[in-house]
């Protein structure tokens, strides 16, 4: 009996240990919602336009609290592009980063100081299409058959609309608002749920 107990006790300890390993919180998945949505939707087409100096923005919110940990861009031409994150209501600049995109049409991401996002609060991520004082081309993503495709949801992120301002400066993009049939630029971010 004692030998059976000596065998069974370590077996149960091992099972408990394995169960504890499985219960540890794994890191939450990261989301790159703009790229993930645009790449997955086969009804969309992408073309390069420009060159122009324009601040292109996308209004978005998270459905849960979380944080932005990276910003980036995918532009048709290599260059140094300013990506900004704004409070949609106050128009306050919350984060800004220059992204060095070395390959044409390739998503390039860069870390930022984490920015806490409040669920259901609207923000804008924007990109300026000027690089090093030179106006650059930008992507225009539309439905192949025409029509609206915004708002869209990918993961924990809801994108409401596109907005922009014709400018070489990184300023709040509110000259043209509430576009629902096109994504310009485009900027990207990494979102991590709390």
Foldseek 3Di string as FASTA:
>chain_A
DVVVVVVVVVVVVVVVVVVVVVPDDDFFDKDFDPVVVLVPDPQKDKDKDDQAWKKKKWKKFFQAKWKWFKKWFFFQDFAWKKKWKAQPPVQDTDDIDTFGGDDGRDIGMDTDDIDIGHHPGMMMIIITQDGPNRRHIKMKMFGPVGDFDPQDDDDRMTTHAMFMDRDNDNGRGHPGDRHGGIHMHHMITMIGHD
